[in-house]
Amino acid sequence: MTETEISPEKLADIIGKSVLSTKGEEVFILDMREISTVTDFFVICSGSSDIHTRAISDRVVEAMEKIDMRPWHIEGYDYGHWILLDYVDVVINIFYYKTREFYRLEKLWGDAPMKKLT
């Protein structure tokens, strides 16, 4: 399977499910296609500690490698309070829950259609 065979929407779902499998909390997929040229989808989630956010990040990278996808860019992994994984069409924001409360990306991008995963 290559990246051209998988739509950005499907990638966001794969990522969201991998976050849930690592007990990521408050997992949302924001559809950015109509409001931004930065990316098609944001996946936003929380972890309960820096160790937890890194575990979520590791699981996402592992799930994406299984479909031959590598992140274009990674930020914040060492600190673990806000880890960003950039897959170009889908950007994942993994927050320590207190950091997420401060930045409130869901409010910043409140015009984006949003889906909560459970």
Protein backbone atom coordinates (compact mmCIF):
# COMPACT_ATOMS: atom_id res chain seq x y z
CA MET A 1 0.00 0.00 0.00
CA THR A 2 1.39 3.41 -0.89
CA GLU A 3 0.40 6.88 0.14
CA THR A 4 -1.32 7.53 -3.20
CA GLU A 5 -3.71 4.65 -2.50
CA ILE A 6 -4.94 6.08 0.79
CA SER A 7 -6.99 9.26 1.05
CA PRO A 8 -6.08 11.88 3.65
CA GLU A 9 -9.42 11.19 5.36
CA LYS A 10 -8.58 7.48 5.67
CA LEU A 11 -5.09 8.35 6.98
CA ALA A 12 -6.66 10.54 9.67
CA ASP A 13 -8.89 7.63 10.68
CA ILE A 14 -5.94 5.20 10.82
CA ILE A 15 -4.04 7.68 12.97
CA GLY A 16 -7.04 8.29 15.23
CA LYS A 17 -7.51 4.57 15.80
CA SER A 18 -3.83 4.11 16.64
CA VAL A 19 -4.12 6.96 19.16
CA LEU A 20 -7.14 5.27 20.76
CA SER A 21 -5.27 1.96 20.91
CA THR A 22 -2.70 3.68 23.13
CA LYS A 23 -5.40 5.13 25.36
CA GLY A 24 -5.07 8.64 23.93
CA GLU A 25 -7.75 10.92 25.34
CA GLU A 26 -10.16 13.41 23.75
CA VAL A 27 -9.28 12.39 20.19
CA PHE A 28 -10.64 14.75 17.54
CA ILE A 29 -10.23 14.88 13.77
CA LEU A 30 -10.62 18.37 12.30
CA ASP A 31 -11.34 18.68 8.59
CA MET A 32 -9.20 21.62 7.49
CA ARG A 33 -9.75 21.34 3.73
CA GLU A 34 -12.14 24.30 3.45
CA ILE A 35 -10.40 26.65 5.89
CA SER A 36 -6.64 26.17 5.53
CA THR A 37 -4.01 25.28 2.97
CA VAL A 38 -1.62 24.00 5.64
CA THR A 39 -3.03 20.46 5.77
CA ASP A 40 -6.21 18.52 5.02
CA PHE A 41 -6.75 17.14 8.54
CA PHE A 42 -5.59 17.75 12.08
CA VAL A 43 -5.74 14.93 14.60
CA ILE A 44 -5.67 16.32 18.14
CA CYS A 45 -5.38 14.21 21.27
CA SER A 46 -4.14 14.25 24.85
CA GLY A 47 -1.94 12.06 26.98
CA SER A 48 -1.69 11.93 30.74
CA SER A 49 2.11 12.40 30.95
CA ASP A 50 5.16 13.02 28.77
CA ILE A 51 5.77 9.26 28.72
CA HIS A 52 2.21 8.70 27.54
CA THR A 53 2.43 11.31 24.77
CA ARG A 54 5.65 9.71 23.50
CA ALA A 55 3.98 6.27 23.57
CA ILE A 56 1.10 7.64 21.51
CA SER A 57 3.58 9.18 19.07
CA ASP A 58 5.53 5.93 18.80
CA ARG A 59 2.31 3.99 18.11
CA VAL A 60 1.23 6.42 15.38
CA VAL A 61 4.63 6.23 13.67
CA GLU A 62 4.56 2.43 13.90
CA ALA A 63 1.03 2.24 12.43
CA MET A 64 1.98 4.56 9.58
CA GLU A 65 5.18 2.65 8.82
CA LYS A 66 3.02 -0.45 8.30
CA ILE A 67 1.46 1.33 5.32
CA ASP A 68 4.80 2.70 4.10
CA MET A 69 4.31 6.24 5.39
CA ARG A 70 7.02 8.17 7.21
CA PRO A 71 6.56 11.54 8.93
CA TRP A 72 7.83 14.49 6.96
CA HIS A 73 8.62 16.29 10.21
CA ILE A 74 8.51 15.61 13.97
CA GLU A 75 8.66 18.25 16.72
CA GLY A 76 8.54 18.15 20.49
CA TYR A 77 9.23 14.45 21.03
CA ASP A 78 12.04 14.94 23.58
CA TYR A 79 10.01 17.23 25.83
CA GLY A 80 6.71 15.40 25.33
CA HIS A 81 4.29 18.20 26.18
CA TRP A 82 3.29 18.90 22.56
CA ILE A 83 4.41 16.41 19.93
CA LEU A 84 3.68 17.25 16.32
CA LEU A 85 3.87 14.59 13.62
CA ASP A 86 3.55 16.02 10.11
CA TYR A 87 2.42 13.65 7.38
CA VAL A 88 1.70 16.62 5.05
CA ASP A 89 -1.98 15.81 4.41
CA VAL A 90 -2.54 14.95 8.08
CA VAL A 91 -0.87 16.68 11.03
CA ILE A 92 -1.09 15.06 14.46
CA ASN A 93 -0.93 17.16 17.63
CA ILE A 94 -0.34 15.06 20.73
CA PHE A 95 -0.62 17.13 23.89
CA TYR A 96 0.04 16.62 27.55
CA TYR A 97 -3.46 17.46 28.79
CA LYS A 98 -2.45 20.67 30.63
CA THR A 99 -0.63 21.98 27.55
CA ARG A 100 -3.70 21.24 25.44
CA GLU A 101 -5.89 23.22 27.82
CA PHE A 102 -3.55 26.20 27.39
CA TYR A 103 -3.36 26.21 23.57
CA ARG A 104 -6.95 25.09 22.88
CA LEU A 105 -6.44 24.29 19.18
CA GLU A 106 -10.04 23.14 18.86
CA LYS A 107 -11.15 26.69 19.71
CA LEU A 108 -8.54 28.26 17.43
CA TRP A 109 -9.79 26.16 14.51
CA GLY A 110 -13.42 26.20 15.70
CA ASP A 111 -14.76 26.70 12.15
CA ALA A 112 -13.43 23.32 11.04
CA PRO A 113 -15.84 20.39 10.92
CA MET A 114 -14.85 18.19 13.84
CA LYS A 115 -15.33 14.52 14.64
CA LYS A 116 -14.71 13.02 18.08
CA LEU A 117 -13.39 9.48 18.13
CA THR A 118 -14.39 7.08 20.88
